[in-house]
Amino acid sequence: MPELRKVASVALMAKEGNQAAEAACRDVERWLRARGVPVWECGNKEDYRGPAGRPEADLILVCGGDGTMVSVA
């Protein structure tokens, strides 16, 4: 079995204009920050990409629907 490692950072994306998705991201952000996990909200998928298009976050959490998830992928 592969070795599991701790998630060191999380990027959050909510479907723009969806108040429920935005509220869910805020709740998750508070929960993660309370546990010392670095978090940032992304306005678009380019916000969480570093050099050569590699994701900078260990985990990207998308709050919205299937279309939001596909657009981020």
N, C-alpha and C. Protein backbone atom coordinates (compact mmCIF):
# COMPACT_ATOMS: atom_id res chain seq x y z
N MET A 1 0.85 -1.17 0.00
CA MET A 1 0.00 0.00 0.00
C MET A 1 0.90 1.24 0.00
N PRO A 2 0.52 2.29 -0.77
CA PRO A 2 1.33 3.50 -0.81
C PRO A 2 1.33 4.21 0.54
N GLU A 3 2.42 4.91 0.82
CA GLU A 3 2.53 5.66 2.06
C GLU A 3 1.65 6.90 1.99
N LEU A 4 0.89 7.13 3.05
CA LEU A 4 0.04 8.32 3.13
C LEU A 4 0.83 9.46 3.73
N ARG A 5 0.58 10.66 3.25
CA ARG A 5 1.26 11.82 3.82
C ARG A 5 0.22 12.86 4.19
N LYS A 6 0.61 13.71 5.11
CA LYS A 6 -0.28 14.76 5.59
C LYS A 6 -0.51 15.81 4.51
N VAL A 7 -1.74 16.28 4.41
CA VAL A 7 -2.06 17.38 3.48
C VAL A 7 -1.49 18.65 4.08
N ALA A 8 -0.58 19.28 3.34
CA ALA A 8 0.11 20.47 3.85
C ALA A 8 -0.57 21.77 3.45
N SER A 9 -1.35 21.77 2.37
CA SER A 9 -2.02 23.00 1.93
C SER A 9 -3.24 22.64 1.10
N VAL A 10 -4.24 23.53 1.14
CA VAL A 10 -5.50 23.28 0.45
C VAL A 10 -5.92 24.53 -0.31
N ALA A 11 -6.34 24.36 -1.54
CA ALA A 11 -6.93 25.44 -2.33
C ALA A 11 -8.44 25.19 -2.38
N LEU A 12 -9.21 26.23 -2.19
CA LEU A 12 -10.67 26.13 -2.20
C LEU A 12 -11.23 26.91 -3.38
N MET A 13 -12.16 26.30 -4.07
CA MET A 13 -12.85 26.97 -5.17
C MET A 13 -14.34 26.74 -5.01
N ALA A 14 -15.11 27.81 -5.12
CA ALA A 14 -16.57 27.72 -5.07
C ALA A 14 -17.13 28.19 -6.40
N LYS A 15 -18.27 27.61 -6.77
CA LYS A 15 -18.94 28.06 -7.99
C LYS A 15 -19.32 29.52 -7.80
N GLU A 16 -18.84 30.35 -8.72
CA GLU A 16 -19.08 31.79 -8.63
C GLU A 16 -20.57 32.08 -8.63
N GLY A 17 -20.99 32.90 -7.67
CA GLY A 17 -22.39 33.30 -7.58
C GLY A 17 -23.28 32.31 -6.85
N ASN A 18 -22.74 31.17 -6.44
CA ASN A 18 -23.52 30.17 -5.71
C ASN A 18 -23.28 30.38 -4.22
N GLN A 19 -24.25 31.00 -3.55
CA GLN A 19 -24.07 31.36 -2.15
C GLN A 19 -23.85 30.14 -1.25
N ALA A 20 -24.53 29.05 -1.53
CA ALA A 20 -24.36 27.84 -0.71
C ALA A 20 -22.95 27.29 -0.85
N ALA A 21 -22.43 27.26 -2.08
CA ALA A 21 -21.07 26.76 -2.31
C ALA A 21 -20.04 27.68 -1.67
N GLU A 22 -20.25 28.99 -1.77
CA GLU A 22 -19.33 29.94 -1.16
C GLU A 22 -19.35 29.82 0.36
N ALA A 23 -20.53 29.62 0.95
CA ALA A 23 -20.64 29.44 2.40
C ALA A 23 -19.95 28.15 2.84
N ALA A 24 -20.12 27.09 2.06
CA ALA A 24 -19.46 25.82 2.39
C ALA A 24 -17.95 25.98 2.38
N CYS A 25 -17.42 26.69 1.40
CA CYS A 25 -15.97 26.92 1.35
C CYS A 25 -15.50 27.73 2.55
N ARG A 26 -16.27 28.72 2.95
CA ARG A 26 -15.88 29.51 4.13
C ARG A 26 -15.86 28.64 5.39
N ASP A 27 -16.85 27.75 5.52
CA ASP A 27 -16.89 26.85 6.68
C ASP A 27 -15.68 25.92 6.69
N VAL A 28 -15.35 25.34 5.53
CA VAL A 28 -14.20 24.45 5.43
C VAL A 28 -12.91 25.23 5.70
N GLU A 29 -12.83 26.44 5.19
CA GLU A 29 -11.64 27.27 5.41
C GLU A 29 -11.41 27.50 6.90
N ARG A 30 -12.47 27.87 7.62
CA ARG A 30 -12.34 28.08 9.07
C ARG A 30 -11.89 26.80 9.77
N TRP A 31 -12.47 25.67 9.40
CA TRP A 31 -12.13 24.39 10.02
C TRP A 31 -10.65 24.05 9.78
N LEU A 32 -10.20 24.20 8.55
CA LEU A 32 -8.80 23.89 8.22
C LEU A 32 -7.83 24.84 8.92
N ARG A 33 -8.12 26.14 8.88
CA ARG A 33 -7.22 27.12 9.52
C ARG A 33 -7.12 26.87 11.03
N ALA A 34 -8.22 26.46 11.66
CA ALA A 34 -8.21 26.17 13.09
C ALA A 34 -7.28 25.00 13.40
N ARG A 35 -6.98 24.19 12.40
CA ARG A 35 -6.10 23.04 12.56
C ARG A 35 -4.70 23.29 11.98
N GLY A 36 -4.45 24.56 11.63
CA GLY A 36 -3.13 24.94 11.17
C GLY A 36 -2.80 24.58 9.73
N VAL A 37 -3.81 24.30 8.92
CA VAL A 37 -3.58 23.96 7.51
C VAL A 37 -3.65 25.24 6.68
N PRO A 38 -2.59 25.56 5.92
CA PRO A 38 -2.64 26.73 5.04
C PRO A 38 -3.72 26.56 3.97
N VAL A 39 -4.52 27.59 3.80
CA VAL A 39 -5.65 27.55 2.87
C VAL A 39 -5.69 28.84 2.08
N TRP A 40 -6.07 28.76 0.81
CA TRP A 40 -6.37 29.97 0.06
C TRP A 40 -7.53 29.72 -0.87
N GLU A 41 -8.30 30.76 -1.09
CA GLU A 41 -9.42 30.69 -2.02
C GLU A 41 -8.95 31.10 -3.39
N CYS A 42 -9.46 30.44 -4.40
CA CYS A 42 -9.04 30.70 -5.77
C CYS A 42 -10.22 31.26 -6.55
N GLY A 43 -9.95 32.32 -7.28
CA GLY A 43 -10.98 32.90 -8.13
C GLY A 43 -11.14 32.12 -9.43
N ASN A 44 -10.06 31.50 -9.87
CA ASN A 44 -10.11 30.68 -11.07
C ASN A 44 -9.00 29.65 -11.01
N LYS A 45 -9.00 28.71 -11.94
CA LYS A 45 -8.04 27.61 -11.84
C LYS A 45 -6.60 28.07 -12.00
N GLU A 46 -6.35 29.22 -12.60
CA GLU A 46 -4.98 29.71 -12.73
C GLU A 46 -4.41 30.16 -11.39
N ASP A 47 -5.27 30.49 -10.43
CA ASP A 47 -4.81 30.98 -9.14
C ASP A 47 -4.04 29.92 -8.35
N TYR A 48 -4.32 28.64 -8.58
CA TYR A 48 -3.64 27.62 -7.79
C TYR A 48 -2.57 26.88 -8.57
N ARG A 49 -2.18 27.42 -9.70
CA ARG A 49 -1.15 26.78 -10.50
C ARG A 49 0.15 27.55 -10.39
N GLY A 50 1.22 26.79 -10.21
CA GLY A 50 2.54 27.40 -10.10
C GLY A 50 3.28 27.29 -11.42
N PRO A 51 4.61 27.32 -11.34
CA PRO A 51 5.42 27.22 -12.56
C PRO A 51 5.10 25.94 -13.34
N ALA A 52 5.08 26.04 -14.63
CA ALA A 52 4.83 24.90 -15.53
C ALA A 52 3.46 24.26 -15.29
N GLY A 53 2.52 25.01 -14.70
CA GLY A 53 1.16 24.50 -14.53
C GLY A 53 0.99 23.47 -13.44
N ARG A 54 2.01 23.28 -12.59
CA ARG A 54 1.88 22.29 -11.52
C ARG A 54 1.07 22.89 -10.37
N PRO A 55 0.13 22.11 -9.83
CA PRO A 55 -0.63 22.62 -8.69
C PRO A 55 0.28 22.89 -7.50
N GLU A 56 0.05 23.99 -6.81
CA GLU A 56 0.81 24.35 -5.62
C GLU A 56 0.19 23.75 -4.37
N ALA A 57 -1.08 23.41 -4.39
CA ALA A 57 -1.77 22.86 -3.22
C ALA A 57 -1.69 21.33 -3.26
N ASP A 58 -1.67 20.73 -2.06
CA ASP A 58 -1.74 19.28 -1.98
C ASP A 58 -3.15 18.78 -2.29
N LEU A 59 -4.13 19.61 -2.01
CA LEU A 59 -5.53 19.23 -2.20
C LEU A 59 -6.29 20.43 -2.73
N ILE A 60 -7.12 20.22 -3.72
CA ILE A 60 -8.00 21.27 -4.23
C ILE A 60 -9.43 20.82 -3.97
N LEU A 61 -10.16 21.61 -3.19
CA LEU A 61 -11.54 21.29 -2.86
C LEU A 61 -12.45 22.21 -3.65
N VAL A 62 -13.35 21.62 -4.41
CA VAL A 62 -14.26 22.39 -5.26
C VAL A 62 -15.68 22.25 -4.71
N CYS A 63 -16.31 23.37 -4.39
CA CYS A 63 -17.69 23.39 -3.91
C CYS A 63 -18.57 23.93 -5.03
N GLY A 64 -19.45 23.11 -5.49
CA GLY A 64 -20.35 23.48 -6.58
C GLY A 64 -21.00 22.21 -7.10
N GLY A 65 -21.10 22.11 -8.39
CA GLY A 65 -21.67 20.91 -8.98
C GLY A 65 -20.68 20.22 -9.90
N ASP A 66 -21.19 19.27 -10.67
CA ASP A 66 -20.32 18.52 -11.60
C ASP A 66 -19.62 19.47 -12.57
N GLY A 67 -20.31 20.45 -13.08
CA GLY A 67 -19.73 21.37 -14.05
C GLY A 67 -18.58 22.18 -13.45
N THR A 68 -18.73 22.57 -12.19
CA THR A 68 -17.66 23.30 -11.52
C THR A 68 -16.43 22.43 -11.38
N MET A 69 -16.64 21.18 -10.98
CA MET A 69 -15.53 20.24 -10.82
C MET A 69 -14.83 20.00 -12.15
N VAL A 70 -15.57 19.80 -13.21
CA VAL A 70 -14.98 19.54 -14.52
C VAL A 70 -14.22 20.77 -15.00
N SER A 71 -14.73 21.97 -14.75
CA SER A 71 -14.04 23.17 -15.22
C SER A 71 -12.71 23.38 -14.52
N VAL A 72 -12.58 22.90 -13.29
CA VAL A 72 -11.34 23.04 -12.53
C VAL A 72 -10.33 21.98 -12.95
N ALA A 73 -10.82 20.81 -13.30
CA ALA A 73 -9.93 19.71 -13.68
C ALA A 73 -9.20 20.02 -14.90
